[in-house]
C-alpha atoms as a PDB file:
ATOM      1  CA  MET A   1      76.211  94.488  74.493  1.00  0.00           C
ATOM      2  CA  ASN A   2      75.181  91.710  76.855  1.00  0.00           C
ATOM      3  CA  ASN A   3      71.678  92.595  78.046  1.00  0.00           C
ATOM      4  CA  THR A   4      71.384  89.716  80.498  1.00  0.00           C
ATOM      5  CA  LYS A   5      70.560  90.905  83.993  1.00  0.00           C
ATOM      6  CA  VAL A   6      72.399  89.585  87.001  1.00  0.00           C
ATOM      7  CA  ASN A   7      70.223  87.305  89.127  1.00  0.00           C
ATOM      8  CA  TYR A   8      71.489  88.215  92.571  1.00  0.00           C
ATOM      9  CA  ASN A   9      69.079  85.782  94.202  1.00  0.00           C
ATOM     10  CA  GLU A  10      71.093  82.980  92.622  1.00  0.00           C
ATOM     11  CA  ILE A  11      74.523  84.230  93.660  1.00  0.00           C
ATOM     12  CA  SER A  12      73.651  85.776  97.036  1.00  0.00           C
ATOM     13  CA  ALA A  13      75.003  82.850  99.094  1.00  0.00           C
ATOM     14  CA  SER A  14      78.511  83.226  97.618  1.00  0.00           C
ATOM     15  CA  TYR A  15      78.462  87.003  97.095  1.00  0.00           C
ATOM     16  CA  ASP A  16      80.596  87.816 100.142  1.00  0.00           C
ATOM     17  CA  ASP A  17      83.489  85.714  98.823  1.00  0.00           C
ATOM     18  CA  ARG A  18      84.706  88.930  97.162  1.00  0.00           C
ATOM     19  CA  TYR A  19      85.414  90.376 100.602  1.00  0.00           C
ATOM     20  CA  LYS A  20      87.582  87.529 101.889  1.00  0.00           C
ATOM     21  CA  GLU A  21      90.716  89.283 100.679  1.00  0.00           C
ATOM     22  CA  ASP A  22      90.409  92.418 102.744  1.00  0.00           C
ATOM     23  CA  GLN A  23      91.271  95.318 100.468  1.00  0.00           C
ATOM     24  CA  TRP A  24      88.540  97.600 101.710  1.00  0.00           C
ATOM     25  CA  ALA A  25      89.806  99.325 104.871  1.00  0.00           C
ATOM     26  CA  LYS A  26      90.107 102.726 103.168  1.00  0.00           C
ATOM     27  CA  ILE A  27      86.486 102.629 102.032  1.00  0.00           C
ATOM     28  CA  ARG A  28      85.288 101.566 105.476  1.00  0.00           C
ATOM     29  CA  ASN A  29      87.284 104.412 107.003  1.00  0.00           C
ATOM     30  CA  GLU A  30      85.858 106.923 104.538  1.00  0.00           C
ATOM     31  CA  LEU A  31      82.270 105.933 105.311  1.00  0.00           C
ATOM     32  CA  ASN A  32      82.805 106.228 109.044  1.00  0.00           C
ATOM     33  CA  TYR A  33      84.656 109.513 108.626  1.00  0.00           C
ATOM     34  CA  LEU A  34      81.876 111.120 106.570  1.00  0.00           C
ATOM     35  CA  ILE A  35      79.234 110.043 109.064  1.00  0.00           C
ATOM     36  CA  SER A  36      81.087 110.906 112.263  1.00  0.00           C
ATOM     37  CA  ARG A  37      82.462 114.246 110.990  1.00  0.00           C
ATOM     38  CA  ASN A  38      78.942 115.470 110.243  1.00  0.00           C
ATOM     39  CA  ASN A  39      77.252 113.717 113.172  1.00  0.00           C
ATOM     40  CA  TYR A  40      74.812 112.020 110.822  1.00  0.00           C
ATOM     41  CA  LYS A  41      72.275 109.770 112.546  1.00  0.00           C
ATOM     42  CA  ASN A  42      69.980 108.357 109.852  1.00  0.00           C
ATOM     43  CA  ILE A  43      71.810 106.325 107.213  1.00  0.00           C
ATOM     44  CA  LEU A  44      70.463 104.696 104.043  1.00  0.00           C
ATOM     45  CA  GLU A  45      72.384 102.449 101.695  1.00  0.00           C
ATOM     46  CA  VAL A  46      70.710 101.963  98.318  1.00  0.00           C
ATOM     47  CA  GLY A  47      71.809  98.695  96.741  1.00  0.00           C
ATOM     48  CA  CYS A  48      72.954  97.303 100.081  1.00  0.00           C
ATOM     49  CA  GLY A  49      73.318  93.692  98.930  1.00  0.00           C
ATOM     50  CA  THR A  50      74.298  91.464 101.840  1.00  0.00           C
ATOM     51  CA  GLY A  51      74.765  94.424 104.176  1.00  0.00           C
ATOM     52  CA  TYR A  52      78.560  94.255 104.265  1.00  0.00           C
ATOM     53  CA  TRP A  53      78.996  98.031 104.096  1.00  0.00           C
ATOM     54  CA  LEU A  54      76.249  98.814 106.576  1.00  0.00           C
ATOM     55  CA  ASP A  55      77.951  96.439 108.978  1.00  0.00           C
ATOM     56  CA  ALA A  56      81.205  98.329 108.404  1.00  0.00           C
ATOM     57  CA  ILE A  57      79.663 101.476 109.904  1.00  0.00           C
ATOM     58  CA  ASN A  58      80.707 101.156 113.531  1.00  0.00           C
ATOM     59  CA  ILE A  59      79.410 104.440 114.964  1.00  0.00           C
ATOM     60  CA  LYS A  60      77.149 104.157 117.982  1.00  0.00           C
ATOM     61  CA  GLY A  61      73.719 105.730 117.931  1.00  0.00           C
ATOM     62  CA  VAL A  62      73.130 105.731 114.177  1.00  0.00           C
ATOM     63  CA  ILE A  63      70.058 104.229 112.551  1.00  0.00           C
ATOM     64  CA  LYS A  64      70.974 102.181 109.486  1.00  0.00           C
ATOM     65  CA  VAL A  65      68.566 101.217 106.699  1.00  0.00           C
ATOM     66  CA  GLY A  66      69.457  98.952 103.797  1.00  0.00           C
ATOM     67  CA  LEU A  67      67.527  98.780 100.531  1.00  0.00           C
ATOM     68  CA  ASP A  68      67.993  96.274  97.748  1.00  0.00           C
ATOM     69  CA  TYR A  69      65.986  94.848  94.858  1.00  0.00           C
ATOM     70  CA  SER A  70      67.133  91.283  95.530  1.00  0.00           C
ATOM     71  CA  ILE A  71      65.307  89.301  98.202  1.00  0.00           C
ATOM     72  CA  GLY A  72      68.143  86.773  98.209  1.00  0.00           C
ATOM     73  CA  MET A  73      70.719  89.417  99.070  1.00  0.00           C
ATOM     74  CA  LEU A  74      68.536  90.842 101.828  1.00  0.00           C
ATOM     75  CA  LYS A  75      68.078  87.362 103.290  1.00  0.00           C
ATOM     76  CA  GLU A  76      71.857  87.046 103.524  1.00  0.00           C
ATOM     77  CA  ALA A  77      72.063  90.446 105.236  1.00  0.00           C
ATOM     78  CA  TYR A  78      69.379  89.369 107.705  1.00  0.00           C
ATOM     79  CA  ARG A  79      70.990  85.988 108.305  1.00  0.00           C
ATOM     80  CA  ALA A  80      74.325  87.645 109.069  1.00  0.00           C
ATOM     81  CA  ASN A  81      72.579  90.133 111.393  1.00  0.00           C
ATOM     82  CA  ARG A  82      74.202  93.073 109.639  1.00  0.00           C
ATOM     83  CA  CYS A  83      71.226  95.416 109.648  1.00  0.00           C
ATOM     84  CA  LYS A  84      67.866  95.349 111.401  1.00  0.00           C
ATOM     85  CA  ASN A  85      66.105  97.638 108.929  1.00  0.00           C
ATOM     86  CA  LEU A  86      65.959  96.069 105.471  1.00  0.00           C
ATOM     87  CA  VAL A  87      63.713  97.151 102.612  1.00  0.00           C
ATOM     88  CA  ASN A  88      62.987  95.352  99.350  1.00  0.00           C
ATOM     89  CA  ALA A  89      62.446  98.010  96.676  1.00  0.00           C
ATOM     90  CA  ASP A  90      63.676  99.462  93.401  1.00  0.00           C
ATOM     91  CA  ALA A  91      66.274 102.231  93.541  1.00  0.00           C
ATOM     92  CA  ASN A  92      64.223 104.257  91.057  1.00  0.00           C
ATOM     93  CA  ASN A  93      61.104 103.994  93.205  1.00  0.00           C
ATOM     94  CA  LEU A  94      62.213 104.572  96.788  1.00  0.00           C
ATOM     95  CA  PRO A  95      59.332 103.961  99.221  1.00  0.00           C
ATOM     96  CA  PHE A  96      60.299 106.594 101.806  1.00  0.00           C
ATOM     97  CA  ILE A  97      57.422 109.053 101.470  1.00  0.00           C
ATOM     98  CA  ASN A  98      57.835 110.771 104.836  1.00  0.00           C
ATOM     99  CA  SER A  99      61.375 109.728 105.739  1.00  0.00           C
ATOM    100  CA  LYS A 100      64.526 111.820 105.424  1.00  0.00           C
ATOM    101  CA  PHE A 101      68.096 110.607 105.734  1.00  0.00           C
ATOM    102  CA  ASP A 102      71.205 112.465 106.812  1.00  0.00           C
ATOM    103  CA  PHE A 103      73.464 110.284 104.707  1.00  0.00           C
ATOM    104  CA  ILE A 104      72.606 108.181 101.656  1.00  0.00           C
ATOM    105  CA  PHE A 105      75.262 106.114  99.929  1.00  0.00           C
ATOM    106  CA  CYS A 106      75.665 103.624  97.105  1.00  0.00           C
ATOM    107  CA  MET A 107      78.658 101.329  97.146  1.00  0.00           C
ATOM    108  CA  ASN A 108      79.485 100.181  93.622  1.00  0.00           C
ATOM    109  CA  ALA A 109      75.782  99.752  92.906  1.00  0.00           C
ATOM    110  CA  LEU A 110      74.711 102.681  90.734  1.00  0.00           C
ATOM    111  CA  HIS A 111      75.484 100.810  87.504  1.00  0.00           C
ATOM    112  CA  HIS A 112      72.722  98.328  88.354  1.00  0.00           C
ATOM    113  CA  PHE A 113      69.984 100.957  88.572  1.00  0.00           C
ATOM    114  CA  GLN A 114      67.665 101.130  85.599  1.00  0.00           C
ATOM    115  CA  ASN A 115      67.796 104.928  85.371  1.00  0.00           C
ATOM    116  CA  LYS A 116      70.990 106.146  86.963  1.00  0.00           C
ATOM    117  CA  LYS A 117      70.536 109.824  86.179  1.00  0.00           C
ATOM    118  CA  LYS A 118      66.976 109.857  87.529  1.00  0.00           C
ATOM    119  CA  PHE A 119      68.165 108.283  90.781  1.00  0.00           C
ATOM    120  CA  ILE A 120      70.651 111.125  91.308  1.00  0.00           C
ATOM    121  CA  LEU A 121      68.161 113.808  90.286  1.00  0.00           C
ATOM    122  CA  ASP A 122      65.523 112.412  92.656  1.00  0.00           C
ATOM    123  CA  ILE A 123      67.739 111.786  95.683  1.00  0.00           C
ATOM    124  CA  GLU A 124      67.598 115.350  97.025  1.00  0.00           C
ATOM    125  CA  LYS A 125      64.025 114.897  98.251  1.00  0.00           C
ATOM    126  CA  TYR A 126      65.095 112.008 100.489  1.00  0.00           C
ATOM    127  CA  LEU A 127      67.925 113.956 102.152  1.00  0.00           C
ATOM    128  CA  SER A 128      67.641 115.988 105.320  1.00  0.00           C
ATOM    129  CA  PRO A 129      68.753 119.649 105.044  1.00  0.00           C
ATOM    130  CA  GLY A 130      72.545 119.529 105.004  1.00  0.00           C
ATOM    131  CA  GLY A 131      72.501 115.797 104.277  1.00  0.00           C
ATOM    132  CA  THR A 132      74.980 114.079 101.969  1.00  0.00           C
ATOM    133  CA  ILE A 133      74.737 111.649  99.068  1.00  0.00           C
ATOM    134  CA  SER A 134      77.872 109.602  98.383  1.00  0.00           C
ATOM    135  CA  ILE A 135      78.361 107.484  95.282  1.00  0.00           C
ATOM    136  CA  ILE A 136      81.354 105.174  95.605  1.00  0.00           C
ATOM    137  CA  GLY A 137      82.427 103.089  92.674  1.00  0.00           C
ATOM    138  CA  VAL A 138      84.596 102.503  89.655  1.00  0.00           C
ATOM    139  CA  ASP A 139      84.739 103.867  86.127  1.00  0.00           C
ATOM    140  CA  PRO A 140      86.060 101.457  83.460  1.00  0.00           C
ATOM    141  CA  ARG A 141      87.290 104.514  81.561  1.00  0.00           C
ATOM    142  CA  CYS A 142      89.949 105.170  84.217  1.00  0.00           C
ATOM    143  CA  GLU A 143      93.239 105.170  82.308  1.00  0.00           C
ATOM    144  CA  ASN A 144      95.321 103.903  85.233  1.00  0.00           C
ATOM    145  CA  ASP A 145      93.268 100.748  85.733  1.00  0.00           C
ATOM    146  CA  GLU A 146      93.969  97.239  84.454  1.00  0.00           C
ATOM    147  CA  TRP A 147      91.782  94.205  85.024  1.00  0.00           C
ATOM    148  CA  TYR A 148      92.533  90.851  83.490  1.00  0.00           C
ATOM    149  CA  ILE A 149      88.820  89.963  83.374  1.00  0.00           C
ATOM    150  CA  TYR A 150      88.396  92.377  80.467  1.00  0.00           C
ATOM    151  CA  ASP A 151      91.226  90.672  78.569  1.00  0.00           C
ATOM    152  CA  TYR A 152      89.818  87.165  78.747  1.00  0.00           C
ATOM    153  CA  PHE A 153      86.042  87.488  78.675  1.00  0.00           C
ATOM    154  CA  ASP A 154      84.617  88.882  75.453  1.00  0.00           C
ATOM    155  CA  SER A 155      82.310  91.921  75.637  1.00  0.00           C
ATOM    156  CA  THR A 156      82.780  92.540  79.362  1.00  0.00           C
ATOM    157  CA  TYR A 157      84.663  95.808  78.903  1.00  0.00           C
ATOM    158  CA  GLU A 158      82.332  97.112  76.190  1.00  0.00           C
ATOM    159  CA  ASP A 159      79.366  96.142  78.334  1.00  0.00           C
ATOM    160  CA  ASP A 160      80.774  97.987  81.338  1.00  0.00           C
ATOM    161  CA  LEU A 161      81.265 101.153  79.305  1.00  0.00           C
ATOM    162  CA  LYS A 162      77.510 101.130  78.783  1.00  0.00           C
ATOM    163  CA  ARG A 163      76.573 100.092  82.316  1.00  0.00           C
ATOM    164  CA  PHE A 164      78.864 102.344  84.373  1.00  0.00           C
ATOM    165  CA  PRO A 165      78.307 106.090  84.163  1.00  0.00           C
ATOM    166  CA  ALA A 166      81.438 108.200  83.903  1.00  0.00           C
ATOM    167  CA  TRP A 167      82.513 109.858  87.134  1.00  0.00           C
ATOM    168  CA  GLU A 168      82.096 113.273  85.502  1.00  0.00           C
ATOM    169  CA  ASP A 169      78.487 112.440  84.578  1.00  0.00           C
ATOM    170  CA  ILE A 170      77.654 111.628  88.210  1.00  0.00           C
ATOM    171  CA  GLU A 171      79.114 114.960  89.319  1.00  0.00           C
ATOM    172  CA  ASN A 172      77.105 116.809  86.670  1.00  0.00           C
ATOM    173  CA  TRP A 173      73.886 115.041  87.678  1.00  0.00           C
ATOM    174  CA  MET A 174      74.427 116.028  91.300  1.00  0.00           C
ATOM    175  CA  MET A 175      74.835 119.655  90.306  1.00  0.00           C
ATOM    176  CA  GLN A 176      71.716 119.439  88.131  1.00  0.00           C
ATOM    177  CA  ALA A 177      69.881 118.106  91.183  1.00  0.00           C
ATOM    178  CA  GLY A 178      70.749 121.298  93.033  1.00  0.00           C
ATOM    179  CA  LEU A 179      73.230 119.683  95.408  1.00  0.00           C
ATOM    180  CA  GLU A 180      76.040 121.797  96.788  1.00  0.00           C
ATOM    181  CA  ASN A 181      79.735 121.215  97.419  1.00  0.00           C
ATOM    182  CA  VAL A 182      79.870 118.472  94.791  1.00  0.00           C
ATOM    183  CA  SER A 183      83.308 116.918  94.929  1.00  0.00           C
ATOM    184  CA  SER A 184      85.144 113.701  94.192  1.00  0.00           C
ATOM    185  CA  LYS A 185      88.270 111.973  95.398  1.00  0.00           C
ATOM    186  CA  ILE A 186      90.028 108.650  95.043  1.00  0.00           C
ATOM    187  CA  ILE A 187      89.215 106.529  98.078  1.00  0.00           C
ATOM    188  CA  ASN A 188      90.795 103.183  97.306  1.00  0.00           C
ATOM    189  CA  GLU A 189      93.196 101.764  94.735  1.00  0.00           C
ATOM    190  CA  VAL A 190      93.040  97.993  94.669  1.00  0.00           C
ATOM    191  CA  GLU A 191      96.335  96.453  93.558  1.00  0.00           C
ATOM    192  CA  ASN A 192      96.004  92.708  93.772  1.00  0.00           C
ATOM    193  CA  ASP A 193      97.778  90.993  90.881  1.00  0.00           C
ATOM    194  CA  LYS A 194      97.429  87.231  90.677  1.00  0.00           C
ATOM    195  CA  ILE A 195     100.499  85.190  89.746  1.00  0.00           C
ATOM    196  CA  GLY A 196     100.208  81.854  87.970  1.00  0.00           C
ATOM    197  CA  LYS A 197      97.601  79.413  89.265  1.00  0.00           C
ATOM    198  CA  GLU A 198      96.785  81.779  92.091  1.00  0.00           C
ATOM    199  CA  VAL A 199      94.341  83.374  89.675  1.00  0.00           C
ATOM    200  CA  LEU A 200      92.176  80.248  89.695  1.00  0.00           C
ATOM    201  CA  ARG A 201      91.373  80.898  93.371  1.00  0.00           C
ATOM    202  CA  ASP A 202      90.429  84.497  92.726  1.00  0.00           C
ATOM    203  CA  ALA A 203      86.840  85.095  93.862  1.00  0.00           C
ATOM    204  CA  TRP A 204      86.444  87.615  91.020  1.00  0.00           C
ATOM    205  CA  LEU A 205      87.162  84.901  88.450  1.00  0.00           C
ATOM    206  CA  GLN A 206      84.302  82.667  89.561  1.00  0.00           C
ATOM    207  CA  LYS A 207      81.066  82.727  87.554  1.00  0.00           C
ATOM    208  CA  GLY A 208      79.135  84.491  90.300  1.00  0.00           C
ATOM    209  CA  GLY A 209      82.083  86.489  91.572  1.00  0.00           C
ATOM    210  CA  THR A 210      81.328  89.702  89.686  1.00  0.00           C
ATOM    211  CA  SER A 211      78.394  91.094  87.759  1.00  0.00           C
ATOM    212  CA  GLN A 212      80.596  91.104  84.647  1.00  0.00           C
ATOM    213  CA  LEU A 213      80.876  87.311  84.680  1.00  0.00           C
ATOM    214  CA  SER A 214      77.446  86.599  86.159  1.00  0.00           C
ATOM    215  CA  LYS A 215      75.897  88.224  83.105  1.00  0.00           C
ATOM    216  CA  LEU A 216      77.691  85.903  80.696  1.00  0.00           C
ATOM    217  CA  SER A 217      76.154  82.724  79.342  1.00  0.00           C
ATOM    218  CA  ALA A 218      77.746  79.509  80.586  1.00  0.00           C
ATOM    219  CA  GLU A 219      79.264  79.047  77.132  1.00  0.00           C
ATOM    220  CA  LYS A 220      80.826  82.513  77.030  1.00  0.00           C
ATOM    221  CA  TYR A 221      82.137  82.151  80.565  1.00  0.00           C
ATOM    222  CA  ASP A 222      83.719  78.782  79.761  1.00  0.00           C
ATOM    223  CA  GLU A 223      85.392  80.273  76.680  1.00  0.00           C
ATOM    224  CA  GLY A 224      87.016  82.986  78.757  1.00  0.00           C
ATOM    225  CA  TYR A 225      88.049  80.588  81.524  1.00  0.00           C
ATOM    226  CA  LYS A 226      89.685  78.345  78.942  1.00  0.00           C
ATOM    227  CA  LYS A 227      91.711  81.323  77.690  1.00  0.00           C
ATOM    228  CA  VAL A 228      93.018  81.797  81.234  1.00  0.00           C
ATOM    229  CA  LEU A 229      93.974  78.108  81.422  1.00  0.00           C
ATOM    230  CA  ASP A 230      95.645  78.257  78.010  1.00  0.00           C
ATOM    231  CA  ASP A 231      97.805  81.197  79.094  1.00  0.00           C
ATOM    232  CA  LEU A 232      98.744  79.416  82.317  1.00  0.00           C
ATOM    233  CA  GLU A 233      99.873  76.427  80.282  1.00  0.00           C
ATOM    234  CA  LYS A 234     102.109  78.706  78.207  1.00  0.00           C
ATOM    235  CA  ASP A 235     103.452  80.626  81.206  1.00  0.00           C
ATOM    236  CA  ALA A 236     103.065  79.162  84.705  1.00  0.00           C
ATOM    237  CA  GLU A 237     104.193  82.461  86.262  1.00  0.00           C
ATOM    238  CA  LYS A 238     101.962  84.729  84.208  1.00  0.00           C
ATOM    239  CA  ILE A 239     100.847  87.896  85.991  1.00  0.00           C
ATOM    240  CA  PHE A 240      97.132  88.648  85.840  1.00  0.00           C
ATOM    241  CA  LYS A 241      96.796  92.379  86.442  1.00  0.00           C
ATOM    242  CA  VAL A 242      94.371  93.851  88.947  1.00  0.00           C
ATOM    243  CA  ARG A 243      94.519  97.643  89.282  1.00  0.00           C
ATOM    244  CA  ILE A 244      91.111  99.131  90.104  1.00  0.00           C
ATOM    245  CA  THR A 245      90.417 102.656  91.329  1.00  0.00           C
ATOM    246  CA  PHE A 246      87.439 103.458  93.542  1.00  0.00           C
ATOM    247  CA  LYS A 247      86.348 107.077  93.685  1.00  0.00           C
ATOM    248  CA  GLY A 248      83.853 108.698  96.036  1.00  0.00           C
ATOM    249  CA  ILE A 249      81.593 111.438  94.683  1.00  0.00           C
ATOM    250  CA  THR A 250      79.583 113.471  97.197  1.00  0.00           C
ATOM    251  CA  GLY A 251      77.040 116.268  97.190  1.00  0.00           C
ATOM    252  CA  LYS A 252      75.141 118.028  99.970  1.00  0.00           C
ATOM    253  CA  LYS A 253      71.566 119.247 100.179  1.00  0.00           C
ATOM    254  CA  LYS A 254      71.151 122.908 100.989  1.00  0.00           C
ATOM    255  CA  VAL A 255      70.445 123.703 104.633  1.00  0.00           C
END
């Protein structure tokens, strides 16, 4: 397992490159639907990064708060004017002693938290009565998914199996936390194969493009990149598969 931590301060300036190919409308719609349907007013994103997802919430009258461990990411969120309320803190030590939120969400961030289960078990005390927690993300165990990154960069898949909790585990933790109406559904299925040299322009292939590659040493990254180049030399029209499923898992605090 690669135990190197991702230094998001170093990659914060280029982090939003992953959003240039807009494949995220369904997730944006789901966030806005959950908030508007329940008339939620106080919103917290834990692991907000550059604030992209907070900015995607376009409902008037809501108060949005973003929390992240990386100062660099929060600086990018502030620079882009995506959220006025930004907090630098650890997800396992939330600093909201007297605050309650109607809606708390994590967008593909839970795998970065030091104690994922504890975060879920603790979250109930930060929710308003009837409030919702939503965990949106991927599970590398999903049988329908294919991602060429795993094929070319040694240890990335095995590492992700250790970093990403299974969807079923998240559901079980929510139930252990006493949350009600725990449910899950597929929100987005990214299908974005790269053909031939098109893959070299893929933001997810760059060293800082994903946490999987950011964690690699320069040597290990170069080895994987060379494998991509070698396959392109053998087959200029090679298809690099990208099939990634995003699921949303929600639970509600008792009224």
